[in-house]
Amino acid sequence: MIADELRRLVPARSDADEPAIRLLALQLAQVEGIHEWLAEHGFVDEGGQPRGILRHLGTVTNTAARLCDRLGLTPSGRAALGLDMARARGEALRAHLVENCGEPG
């Protein structure tokens, strides 16, 4: 199952990531299905025109790419995730220090 594979790959995964993981799995399944259909029927119709499903392929591929990035499955996504995690740790440390040592300054 695609979602199971994704769960193993998502860095620092939490339960809150589950909706995005499921949505990404659905998008990737559509991409695979469209590619299989195109392999069987071709990229152009009988009139030599590009098939309309190619537009949908572009949409689902772009959506999947954005979700991969947001889940940290790309280099830029992992970099952003690292920054967000560092920022969150810094905020948690500041809150801890304020609580235990008082407001700086």
PDB file of N, CA and C in Angstrom:
ATOM      1  N   MET A   1       0.840  -1.179   0.000  1.00  0.00           N
ATOM      2  CA  MET A   1       0.000   0.000   0.000  1.00  0.00           C
ATOM      3  C   MET A   1       0.888   1.246   0.000  1.00  0.00           C
ATOM      4  N   ILE A   2       0.559   2.211  -0.820  1.00  0.00           N
ATOM      5  CA  ILE A   2       1.371   3.417  -0.965  1.00  0.00           C
ATOM      6  C   ILE A   2       1.468   4.177   0.357  1.00  0.00           C
ATOM      7  N   ALA A   3       0.364   4.319   1.070  1.00  0.00           N
ATOM      8  CA  ALA A   3       0.375   5.071   2.330  1.00  0.00           C
ATOM      9  C   ALA A   3       1.330   4.440   3.336  1.00  0.00           C
ATOM     10  N   ASP A   4       1.383   3.117   3.383  1.00  0.00           N
ATOM     11  CA  ASP A   4       2.298   2.447   4.308  1.00  0.00           C
ATOM     12  C   ASP A   4       3.754   2.767   3.969  1.00  0.00           C
ATOM     13  N   GLU A   5       4.072   2.772   2.679  1.00  0.00           N
ATOM     14  CA  GLU A   5       5.430   3.113   2.258  1.00  0.00           C
ATOM     15  C   GLU A   5       5.759   4.556   2.631  1.00  0.00           C
ATOM     16  N   LEU A   6       4.802   5.448   2.437  1.00  0.00           N
ATOM     17  CA  LEU A   6       5.021   6.851   2.763  1.00  0.00           C
ATOM     18  C   LEU A   6       5.253   7.049   4.255  1.00  0.00           C
ATOM     19  N   ARG A   7       4.490   6.342   5.080  1.00  0.00           N
ATOM     20  CA  ARG A   7       4.649   6.481   6.533  1.00  0.00           C
ATOM     21  C   ARG A   7       6.078   6.169   6.961  1.00  0.00           C
ATOM     22  N   ARG A   8       6.704   5.208   6.290  1.00  0.00           N
ATOM     23  CA  ARG A   8       8.083   4.844   6.627  1.00  0.00           C
ATOM     24  C   ARG A   8       9.080   5.908   6.164  1.00  0.00           C
ATOM     25  N   LEU A   9       8.704   6.677   5.150  1.00  0.00           N
ATOM     26  CA  LEU A   9       9.629   7.647   4.565  1.00  0.00           C
ATOM     27  C   LEU A   9       9.537   9.049   5.162  1.00  0.00           C
ATOM     28  N   VAL A  10       8.381   9.421   5.693  1.00  0.00           N
ATOM     29  CA  VAL A  10       8.184  10.788   6.177  1.00  0.00           C
ATOM     30  C   VAL A  10       9.037  11.024   7.426  1.00  0.00           C
ATOM     31  N   PRO A  11       9.968  11.992   7.341  1.00  0.00           N
ATOM     32  CA  PRO A  11      10.807  12.269   8.508  1.00  0.00           C
ATOM     33  C   PRO A  11       9.999  12.921   9.622  1.00  0.00           C
ATOM     34  N   ALA A  12      10.299  12.561  10.851  1.00  0.00           N
ATOM     35  CA  ALA A  12       9.648  13.157  12.027  1.00  0.00           C
ATOM     36  C   ALA A  12       8.127  13.075  11.924  1.00  0.00           C
ATOM     37  N   ARG A  13       7.630  11.947  11.413  1.00  0.00           N
ATOM     38  CA  ARG A  13       6.191  11.771  11.213  1.00  0.00           C
ATOM     39  C   ARG A  13       5.446  11.779  12.537  1.00  0.00           C
ATOM     40  N   SER A  14       4.265  12.382  12.501  1.00  0.00           N
ATOM     41  CA  SER A  14       3.382  12.339  13.663  1.00  0.00           C
ATOM     42  C   SER A  14       1.980  11.982  13.170  1.00  0.00           C
ATOM     43  N   ASP A  15       1.087  11.709  14.106  1.00  0.00           N
ATOM     44  CA  ASP A  15      -0.287  11.384  13.736  1.00  0.00           C
ATOM     45  C   ASP A  15      -0.948  12.516  12.962  1.00  0.00           C
ATOM     46  N   ALA A  16      -0.520  13.742  13.208  1.00  0.00           N
ATOM     47  CA  ALA A  16      -1.090  14.895  12.515  1.00  0.00           C
ATOM     48  C   ALA A  16      -0.777  14.878  11.017  1.00  0.00           C
ATOM     49  N   ASP A  17       0.230  14.103  10.599  1.00  0.00           N
ATOM     50  CA  ASP A  17       0.597  14.007   9.182  1.00  0.00           C
ATOM     51  C   ASP A  17      -0.304  13.040   8.412  1.00  0.00           C
ATOM     52  N   GLU A  18      -1.094  12.255   9.115  1.00  0.00           N
ATOM     53  CA  GLU A  18      -1.876  11.189   8.470  1.00  0.00           C
ATOM     54  C   GLU A  18      -2.774  11.687   7.330  1.00  0.00           C
ATOM     55  N   PRO A  19      -3.522  12.777   7.484  1.00  0.00           N
ATOM     56  CA  PRO A  19      -4.350  13.223   6.347  1.00  0.00           C
ATOM     57  C   PRO A  19      -3.518  13.552   5.111  1.00  0.00           C
ATOM     58  N   ALA A  20      -2.384  14.216   5.292  1.00  0.00           N
ATOM     59  CA  ALA A  20      -1.538  14.557   4.144  1.00  0.00           C
ATOM     60  C   ALA A  20      -0.934  13.301   3.525  1.00  0.00           C
ATOM     61  N   ILE A  21      -0.562  12.331   4.350  1.00  0.00           N
ATOM     62  CA  ILE A  21      -0.008  11.074   3.835  1.00  0.00           C
ATOM     63  C   ILE A  21      -1.058  10.342   3.009  1.00  0.00           C
ATOM     64  N   ARG A  22      -2.278  10.279   3.514  1.00  0.00           N
ATOM     65  CA  ARG A  22      -3.344   9.599   2.763  1.00  0.00           C
ATOM     66  C   ARG A  22      -3.654  10.321   1.455  1.00  0.00           C
ATOM     67  N   LEU A  23      -3.683  11.646   1.516  1.00  0.00           N
ATOM     68  CA  LEU A  23      -3.943  12.423   0.303  1.00  0.00           C
ATOM     69  C   LEU A  23      -2.823  12.224  -0.714  1.00  0.00           C
ATOM     70  N   LEU A  24      -1.579  12.229  -0.260  1.00  0.00           N
ATOM     71  CA  LEU A  24      -0.459  11.986  -1.164  1.00  0.00           C
ATOM     72  C   LEU A  24      -0.556  10.588  -1.770  1.00  0.00           C
ATOM     73  N   ALA A  25      -0.920   9.599  -0.973  1.00  0.00           N
ATOM     74  CA  ALA A  25      -1.068   8.236  -1.491  1.00  0.00           C
ATOM     75  C   ALA A  25      -2.119   8.191  -2.596  1.00  0.00           C
ATOM     76  N   LEU A  26      -3.233   8.890  -2.398  1.00  0.00           N
ATOM     77  CA  LEU A  26      -4.276   8.933  -3.430  1.00  0.00           C
ATOM     78  C   LEU A  26      -3.775   9.611  -4.701  1.00  0.00           C
ATOM     79  N   GLN A  27      -3.031  10.707  -4.542  1.00  0.00           N
ATOM     80  CA  GLN A  27      -2.500  11.412  -5.707  1.00  0.00           C
ATOM     81  C   GLN A  27      -1.520  10.524  -6.466  1.00  0.00           C
ATOM     82  N   LEU A  28      -0.639   9.839  -5.749  1.00  0.00           N
ATOM     83  CA  LEU A  28       0.337   8.968  -6.403  1.00  0.00           C
ATOM     84  C   LEU A  28      -0.334   7.788  -7.098  1.00  0.00           C
ATOM     85  N   ALA A  29      -1.404   7.267  -6.497  1.00  0.00           N
ATOM     86  CA  ALA A  29      -2.153   6.180  -7.137  1.00  0.00           C
ATOM     87  C   ALA A  29      -2.780   6.673  -8.444  1.00  0.00           C
ATOM     88  N   GLN A  30      -3.285   7.899  -8.433  1.00  0.00           N
ATOM     89  CA  GLN A  30      -3.855   8.457  -9.669  1.00  0.00           C
ATOM     90  C   GLN A  30      -2.787   8.632 -10.740  1.00  0.00           C
ATOM     91  N   VAL A  31      -1.619   9.123 -10.338  1.00  0.00           N
ATOM     92  CA  VAL A  31      -0.519   9.298 -11.295  1.00  0.00           C
ATOM     93  C   VAL A  31      -0.169   7.952 -11.924  1.00  0.00           C
ATOM     94  N   GLU A  32      -0.040   6.917 -11.092  1.00  0.00           N
ATOM     95  CA  GLU A  32       0.278   5.583 -11.620  1.00  0.00           C
ATOM     96  C   GLU A  32      -0.820   5.082 -12.558  1.00  0.00           C
ATOM     97  N   GLY A  33      -2.065   5.247 -12.143  1.00  0.00           N
ATOM     98  CA  GLY A  33      -3.184   4.791 -12.964  1.00  0.00           C
ATOM     99  C   GLY A  33      -3.240   5.506 -14.306  1.00  0.00           C
ATOM    100  N   ILE A  34      -3.028   6.801 -14.293  1.00  0.00           N
ATOM    101  CA  ILE A  34      -3.047   7.568 -15.545  1.00  0.00           C
ATOM    102  C   ILE A  34      -1.916   7.125 -16.452  1.00  0.00           C
ATOM    103  N   HIS A  35      -0.727   6.908 -15.897  1.00  0.00           N
ATOM    104  CA  HIS A  35       0.398   6.445 -16.722  1.00  0.00           C
ATOM    105  C   HIS A  35       0.107   5.080 -17.335  1.00  0.00           C
ATOM    106  N   GLU A  36      -0.509   4.194 -16.579  1.00  0.00           N
ATOM    107  CA  GLU A  36      -0.873   2.885 -17.123  1.00  0.00           C
ATOM    108  C   GLU A  36      -1.894   3.037 -18.253  1.00  0.00           C
ATOM    109  N   TRP A  37      -2.886   3.899 -18.048  1.00  0.00           N
ATOM    110  CA  TRP A  37      -3.906   4.116 -19.067  1.00  0.00           C
ATOM    111  C   TRP A  37      -3.274   4.703 -20.321  1.00  0.00           C
ATOM    112  N   LEU A  38      -2.392   5.677 -20.158  1.00  0.00           N
ATOM    113  CA  LEU A  38      -1.732   6.293 -21.313  1.00  0.00           C
ATOM    114  C   LEU A  38      -0.835   5.299 -22.047  1.00  0.00           C
ATOM    115  N   ALA A  39      -0.194   4.397 -21.305  1.00  0.00           N
ATOM    116  CA  ALA A  39       0.646   3.378 -21.944  1.00  0.00           C
ATOM    117  C   ALA A  39      -0.198   2.484 -22.850  1.00  0.00           C
ATOM    118  N   GLU A  40      -1.430   2.251 -22.432  1.00  0.00           N
ATOM    119  CA  GLU A  40      -2.324   1.402 -23.220  1.00  0.00           C
ATOM    120  C   GLU A  40      -2.987   2.152 -24.371  1.00  0.00           C
ATOM    121  N   HIS A  41      -3.367   3.414 -24.152  1.00  0.00           N
ATOM    122  CA  HIS A  41      -4.156   4.158 -25.136  1.00  0.00           C
ATOM    123  C   HIS A  41      -3.384   5.224 -25.898  1.00  0.00           C
ATOM    124  N   GLY A  42      -2.201   5.566 -25.444  1.00  0.00           N
ATOM    125  CA  GLY A  42      -1.396   6.586 -26.113  1.00  0.00           C
ATOM    126  C   GLY A  42      -1.682   7.991 -25.603  1.00  0.00           C
ATOM    127  N   PHE A  43      -0.770   8.884 -25.906  1.00  0.00           N
ATOM    128  CA  PHE A  43      -0.852  10.265 -25.435  1.00  0.00           C
ATOM    129  C   PHE A  43      -1.737  11.139 -26.323  1.00  0.00           C
ATOM    130  N   VAL A  44      -2.013  10.671 -27.533  1.00  0.00           N
ATOM    131  CA  VAL A  44      -2.860  11.439 -28.453  1.00  0.00           C
ATOM    132  C   VAL A  44      -4.065  10.597 -28.855  1.00  0.00           C
ATOM    133  N   ASP A  45      -5.154  11.287 -29.164  1.00  0.00           N
ATOM    134  CA  ASP A  45      -6.370  10.578 -29.564  1.00  0.00           C
ATOM    135  C   ASP A  45      -6.328  10.244 -31.054  1.00  0.00           C
ATOM    136  N   GLU A  46      -7.433   9.709 -31.544  1.00  0.00           N
ATOM    137  CA  GLU A  46      -7.501   9.298 -32.953  1.00  0.00           C
ATOM    138  C   GLU A  46      -7.318  10.467 -33.905  1.00  0.00           C
ATOM    139  N   GLY A  47      -7.631  11.670 -33.449  1.00  0.00           N
ATOM    140  CA  GLY A  47      -7.475  12.873 -34.273  1.00  0.00           C
ATOM    141  C   GLY A  47      -6.099  13.509 -34.151  1.00  0.00           C
ATOM    142  N   GLY A  48      -5.208  12.869 -33.401  1.00  0.00           N
ATOM    143  CA  GLY A  48      -3.865  13.393 -33.253  1.00  0.00           C
ATOM    144  C   GLY A  48      -3.735  14.482 -32.186  1.00  0.00           C
ATOM    145  N   GLN A  49      -4.791  14.656 -31.396  1.00  0.00           N
ATOM    146  CA  GLN A  49      -4.786  15.681 -30.343  1.00  0.00           C
ATOM    147  C   GLN A  49      -4.341  15.080 -29.009  1.00  0.00           C
ATOM    148  N   PRO A  50      -3.648  15.869 -28.203  1.00  0.00           N
ATOM    149  CA  PRO A  50      -3.266  15.371 -26.868  1.00  0.00           C
ATOM    150  C   PRO A  50      -4.529  15.005 -26.074  1.00  0.00           C
ATOM    151  N   ARG A  51      -4.463  13.922 -25.371  1.00  0.00           N
ATOM    152  CA  ARG A  51      -5.616  13.480 -24.582  1.00  0.00           C
ATOM    153  C   ARG A  51      -5.857  14.437 -23.407  1.00  0.00           C
ATOM    154  N   GLY A  52      -7.131  14.674 -23.109  1.00  0.00           N
ATOM    155  CA  GLY A  52      -7.513  15.570 -22.032  1.00  0.00           C
ATOM    156  C   GLY A  52      -6.993  15.129 -20.675  1.00  0.00           C
ATOM    157  N   ILE A  53      -6.793  13.842 -20.522  1.00  0.00           N
ATOM    158  CA  ILE A  53      -6.329  13.323 -19.229  1.00  0.00           C
ATOM    159  C   ILE A  53      -4.922  13.824 -18.898  1.00  0.00           C
ATOM    160  N   LEU A  54      -4.200  14.309 -19.899  1.00  0.00           N
ATOM    161  CA  LEU A  54      -2.864  14.840 -19.644  1.00  0.00           C
ATOM    162  C   LEU A  54      -2.923  16.073 -18.740  1.00  0.00           C
ATOM    163  N   ARG A  55      -3.986  16.887 -18.875  1.00  0.00           N
ATOM    164  CA  ARG A  55      -4.158  18.038 -17.991  1.00  0.00           C
ATOM    165  C   ARG A  55      -4.351  17.574 -16.553  1.00  0.00           C
ATOM    166  N   HIS A  56      -5.174  16.543 -16.391  1.00  0.00           N
ATOM    167  CA  HIS A  56      -5.409  15.996 -15.052  1.00  0.00           C
ATOM    168  C   HIS A  56      -4.118  15.409 -14.489  1.00  0.00           C
ATOM    169  N   LEU A  57      -3.338  14.759 -15.337  1.00  0.00           N
ATOM    170  CA  LEU A  57      -2.050  14.211 -14.905  1.00  0.00           C
ATOM    171  C   LEU A  57      -1.162  15.323 -14.367  1.00  0.00           C
ATOM    172  N   GLY A  58      -1.123  16.445 -15.064  1.00  0.00           N
ATOM    173  CA  GLY A  58      -0.335  17.581 -14.596  1.00  0.00           C
ATOM    174  C   GLY A  58      -0.805  18.075 -13.240  1.00  0.00           C
ATOM    175  N   THR A  59      -2.117  18.133 -13.058  1.00  0.00           N
ATOM    176  CA  THR A  59      -2.676  18.607 -11.792  1.00  0.00           C
ATOM    177  C   THR A  59      -2.332  17.673 -10.647  1.00  0.00           C
ATOM    178  N   VAL A  60      -2.553  16.372 -10.822  1.00  0.00           N
ATOM    179  CA  VAL A  60      -2.285  15.440  -9.730  1.00  0.00           C
ATOM    180  C   VAL A  60      -0.786  15.316  -9.462  1.00  0.00           C
ATOM    181  N   THR A  61       0.029  15.437 -10.498  1.00  0.00           N
ATOM    182  CA  THR A  61       1.479  15.393 -10.305  1.00  0.00           C
ATOM    183  C   THR A  61       1.951  16.604  -9.507  1.00  0.00           C
ATOM    184  N   ASN A  62       1.439  17.788  -9.841  1.00  0.00           N
ATOM    185  CA  ASN A  62       1.812  18.991  -9.094  1.00  0.00           C
ATOM    186  C   ASN A  62       1.339  18.920  -7.650  1.00  0.00           C
ATOM    187  N   THR A  63       0.138  18.413  -7.432  1.00  0.00           N
ATOM    188  CA  THR A  63      -0.374  18.267  -6.073  1.00  0.00           C
ATOM    189  C   THR A  63       0.496  17.296  -5.288  1.00  0.00           C
ATOM    190  N   ALA A  64       0.856  16.182  -5.899  1.00  0.00           N
ATOM    191  CA  ALA A  64       1.716  15.198  -5.237  1.00  0.00           C
ATOM    192  C   ALA A  64       3.075  15.810  -4.906  1.00  0.00           C
ATOM    193  N   ALA A  65       3.631  16.586  -5.825  1.00  0.00           N
ATOM    194  CA  ALA A  65       4.932  17.211  -5.581  1.00  0.00           C
ATOM    195  C   ALA A  65       4.856  18.187  -4.405  1.00  0.00           C
ATOM    196  N   ARG A  66       3.790  18.967  -4.333  1.00  0.00           N
ATOM    197  CA  ARG A  66       3.630  19.903  -3.210  1.00  0.00           C
ATOM    198  C   ARG A  66       3.500  19.152  -1.889  1.00  0.00           C
ATOM    199  N   LEU A  67       2.732  18.081  -1.887  1.00  0.00           N
ATOM    200  CA  LEU A  67       2.571  17.283  -0.662  1.00  0.00           C
ATOM    201  C   LEU A  67       3.891  16.633  -0.261  1.00  0.00           C
ATOM    202  N   CYS A  68       4.648  16.135  -1.230  1.00  0.00           N
ATOM    203  CA  CYS A  68       5.970  15.569  -0.922  1.00  0.00           C
ATOM    204  C   CYS A  68       6.843  16.615  -0.249  1.00  0.00           C
ATOM    205  N   ASP A  69       6.821  17.818  -0.788  1.00  0.00           N
ATOM    206  CA  ASP A  69       7.628  18.890  -0.229  1.00  0.00           C
ATOM    207  C   ASP A  69       7.190  19.204   1.197  1.00  0.00           C
ATOM    208  N   ARG A  70       5.888  19.318   1.417  1.00  0.00           N
ATOM    209  CA  ARG A  70       5.372  19.667   2.746  1.00  0.00           C
ATOM    210  C   ARG A  70       5.621  18.580   3.780  1.00  0.00           C
ATOM    211  N   LEU A  71       5.694  17.335   3.326  1.00  0.00           N
ATOM    212  CA  LEU A  71       5.943  16.224   4.252  1.00  0.00           C
ATOM    213  C   LEU A  71       7.434  15.961   4.460  1.00  0.00           C
ATOM    214  N   GLY A  72       8.281  16.753   3.827  1.00  0.00           N
ATOM    215  CA  GLY A  72       9.721  16.588   3.998  1.00  0.00           C
ATOM    216  C   GLY A  72      10.302  15.473   3.157  1.00  0.00           C
ATOM    217  N   LEU A  73       9.676  15.168   2.035  1.00  0.00           N
ATOM    218  CA  LEU A  73      10.143  14.087   1.164  1.00  0.00           C
ATOM    219  C   LEU A  73      11.006  14.587   0.001  1.00  0.00           C
ATOM    220  N   THR A  74      11.360  15.863   0.027  1.00  0.00           N
ATOM    221  CA  THR A  74      12.262  16.445  -0.967  1.00  0.00           C
ATOM    222  C   THR A  74      13.384  17.151  -0.206  1.00  0.00           C
ATOM    223  N   PRO A  75      14.512  17.420  -0.865  1.00  0.00           N
ATOM    224  CA  PRO A  75      15.585  18.139  -0.173  1.00  0.00           C
ATOM    225  C   PRO A  75      15.136  19.494   0.386  1.00  0.00           C
ATOM    226  N   SER A  76      14.388  20.257  -0.419  1.00  0.00           N
ATOM    227  CA  SER A  76      13.931  21.560   0.072  1.00  0.00           C
ATOM    228  C   SER A  76      12.908  21.392   1.189  1.00  0.00           C
ATOM    229  N   GLY A  77      12.067  20.371   1.083  1.00  0.00           N
ATOM    230  CA  GLY A  77      11.089  20.106   2.141  1.00  0.00           C
ATOM    231  C   GLY A  77      11.756  19.708   3.441  1.00  0.00           C
ATOM    232  N   ARG A  78      12.810  18.892   3.349  1.00  0.00           N
ATOM    233  CA  ARG A  78      13.535  18.502   4.567  1.00  0.00           C
ATOM    234  C   ARG A  78      14.247  19.698   5.173  1.00  0.00           C
ATOM    235  N   ALA A  79      14.793  20.566   4.316  1.00  0.00           N
ATOM    236  CA  ALA A  79      15.460  21.759   4.827  1.00  0.00           C
ATOM    237  C   ALA A  79      14.460  22.648   5.557  1.00  0.00           C
ATOM    238  N   ALA A  80      13.291  22.865   4.970  1.00  0.00           N
ATOM    239  CA  ALA A  80      12.270  23.690   5.623  1.00  0.00           C
ATOM    240  C   ALA A  80      11.800  23.036   6.910  1.00  0.00           C
ATOM    241  N   LEU A  81      11.631  21.731   6.889  1.00  0.00           N
ATOM    242  CA  LEU A  81      11.216  21.000   8.087  1.00  0.00           C
ATOM    243  C   LEU A  81      12.263  21.146   9.183  1.00  0.00           C
ATOM    244  N   GLY A  82      13.523  21.092   8.808  1.00  0.00           N
ATOM    245  CA  GLY A  82      14.596  21.275   9.784  1.00  0.00           C
ATOM    246  C   GLY A  82      14.550  22.654  10.405  1.00  0.00           C
ATOM    247  N   LEU A  83      14.295  23.661   9.581  1.00  0.00           N
ATOM    248  CA  LEU A  83      14.186  25.018  10.105  1.00  0.00           C
ATOM    249  C   LEU A  83      12.999  25.138  11.030  1.00  0.00           C
ATOM    250  N   ASP A  84      11.865  24.572  10.632  1.00  0.00           N
ATOM    251  CA  ASP A  84      10.672  24.634  11.467  1.00  0.00           C
ATOM    252  C   ASP A  84      10.889  23.907  12.788  1.00  0.00           C
ATOM    253  N   MET A  85      11.554  22.747  12.737  1.00  0.00           N
ATOM    254  CA  MET A  85      11.806  21.991  13.961  1.00  0.00           C
ATOM    255  C   MET A  85      12.769  22.748  14.870  1.00  0.00           C
ATOM    256  N   ALA A  86      13.791  23.366  14.285  1.00  0.00           N
ATOM    257  CA  ALA A  86      14.739  24.138  15.084  1.00  0.00           C
ATOM    258  C   ALA A  86      14.032  25.338  15.714  1.00  0.00           C
ATOM    259  N   ARG A  87      13.176  25.992  14.942  1.00  0.00           N
ATOM    260  CA  ARG A  87      12.432  27.133  15.456  1.00  0.00           C
ATOM    261  C   ARG A  87      11.520  26.699  16.602  1.00  0.00           C
ATOM    262  N   ALA A  88      10.847  25.559  16.424  1.00  0.00           N
ATOM    263  CA  ALA A  88       9.950  25.060  17.470  1.00  0.00           C
ATOM    264  C   ALA A  88      10.739  24.714  18.734  1.00  0.00           C
ATOM    265  N   ARG A  89      11.904  24.097  18.564  1.00  0.00           N
ATOM    266  CA  ARG A  89      12.741  23.780  19.730  1.00  0.00           C
ATOM    267  C   ARG A  89      13.199  25.049  20.431  1.00  0.00           C
ATOM    268  N   GLY A  90      13.558  26.069  19.638  1.00  0.00           N
ATOM    269  CA  GLY A  90      13.977  27.340  20.217  1.00  0.00           C
ATOM    270  C   GLY A  90      12.853  28.004  20.992  1.00  0.00           C
ATOM    271  N   GLU A  91      11.638  27.946  20.444  1.00  0.00           N
ATOM    272  CA  GLU A  91      10.494  28.527  21.141  1.00  0.00           C
ATOM    273  C   GLU A  91      10.187  27.753  22.421  1.00  0.00           C
ATOM    274  N   ALA A  92      10.306  26.444  22.365  1.00  0.00           N
ATOM    275  CA  ALA A  92      10.058  25.627  23.556  1.00  0.00           C
ATOM    276  C   ALA A  92      11.107  25.927  24.629  1.00  0.00           C
ATOM    277  N   LEU A  93      12.358  26.080  24.216  1.00  0.00           N
ATOM    278  CA  LEU A  93      13.412  26.400  25.169  1.00  0.00           C
ATOM    279  C   LEU A  93      13.166  27.767  25.797  1.00  0.00           C
ATOM    280  N   ARG A  94      12.797  28.742  24.967  1.00  0.00           N
ATOM    281  CA  ARG A  94      12.524  30.084  25.500  1.00  0.00           C
ATOM    282  C   ARG A  94      11.379  30.031  26.503  1.00  0.00           C
ATOM    283  N   ALA A  95      10.302  29.328  26.183  1.00  0.00           N
ATOM    284  CA  ALA A  95       9.169  29.213  27.096  1.00  0.00           C
ATOM    285  C   ALA A  95       9.591  28.557  28.402  1.00  0.00           C
ATOM    286  N   HIS A  96      10.427  27.543  28.303  1.00  0.00           N
ATOM    287  CA  HIS A  96      10.922  26.853  29.500  1.00  0.00           C
ATOM    288  C   HIS A  96      11.744  27.808  30.368  1.00  0.00           C
ATOM    289  N   LEU A  97      12.630  28.565  29.729  1.00  0.00           N
ATOM    290  CA  LEU A  97      13.473  29.499  30.474  1.00  0.00           C
ATOM    291  C   LEU A  97      12.640  30.600  31.126  1.00  0.00           C
ATOM    292  N   VAL A  98      11.660  31.123  30.417  1.00  0.00           N
ATOM    293  CA  VAL A  98      10.797  32.162  30.979  1.00  0.00           C
ATOM    294  C   VAL A  98      10.041  31.610  32.180  1.00  0.00           C
ATOM    295  N   GLU A  99       9.527  30.398  32.029  1.00  0.00           N
ATOM    296  CA  GLU A  99       8.767  29.788  33.105  1.00  0.00           C
ATOM    297  C   GLU A  99       9.620  29.522  34.343  1.00  0.00           C
ATOM    298  N   ASN A 100      10.848  29.090  34.114  1.00  0.00           N
ATOM    299  CA  ASN A 100      11.705  28.681  35.228  1.00  0.00           C
ATOM    300  C   ASN A 100      12.672  29.758  35.703  1.00  0.00           C
ATOM    301  N   CYS A 101      12.985  30.724  34.843  1.00  0.00           N
ATOM    302  CA  CYS A 101      13.975  31.726  35.222  1.00  0.00           C
ATOM    303  C   CYS A 101      13.436  33.147  35.140  1.00  0.00           C
ATOM    304  N   GLY A 102      12.266  33.319  34.644  1.00  0.00           N
ATOM    305  CA  GLY A 102      11.681  34.653  34.500  1.00  0.00           C
ATOM    306  C   GLY A 102      11.985  35.255  33.150  1.00  0.00           C
ATOM    307  N   GLU A 103      11.321  36.349  32.846  1.00  0.00           N
ATOM    308  CA  GLU A 103      11.471  37.059  31.574  1.00  0.00           C
ATOM    309  C   GLU A 103      12.881  37.655  31.489  1.00  0.00           C
ATOM    310  N   PRO A 104      13.556  37.487  30.320  1.00  0.00           N
ATOM    311  CA  PRO A 104      14.901  38.046  30.177  1.00  0.00           C
ATOM    312  C   PRO A 104      14.845  39.580  30.177  1.00  0.00           C
ATOM    313  N   GLY A 105      15.926  40.140  30.679  1.00  0.00           N
ATOM    314  CA  GLY A 105      16.039  41.485  30.456  1.00  0.00           C
ATOM    315  C   GLY A 105      16.033  42.582  31.287  1.00  0.00           C
TER     316      GLY A 105
END
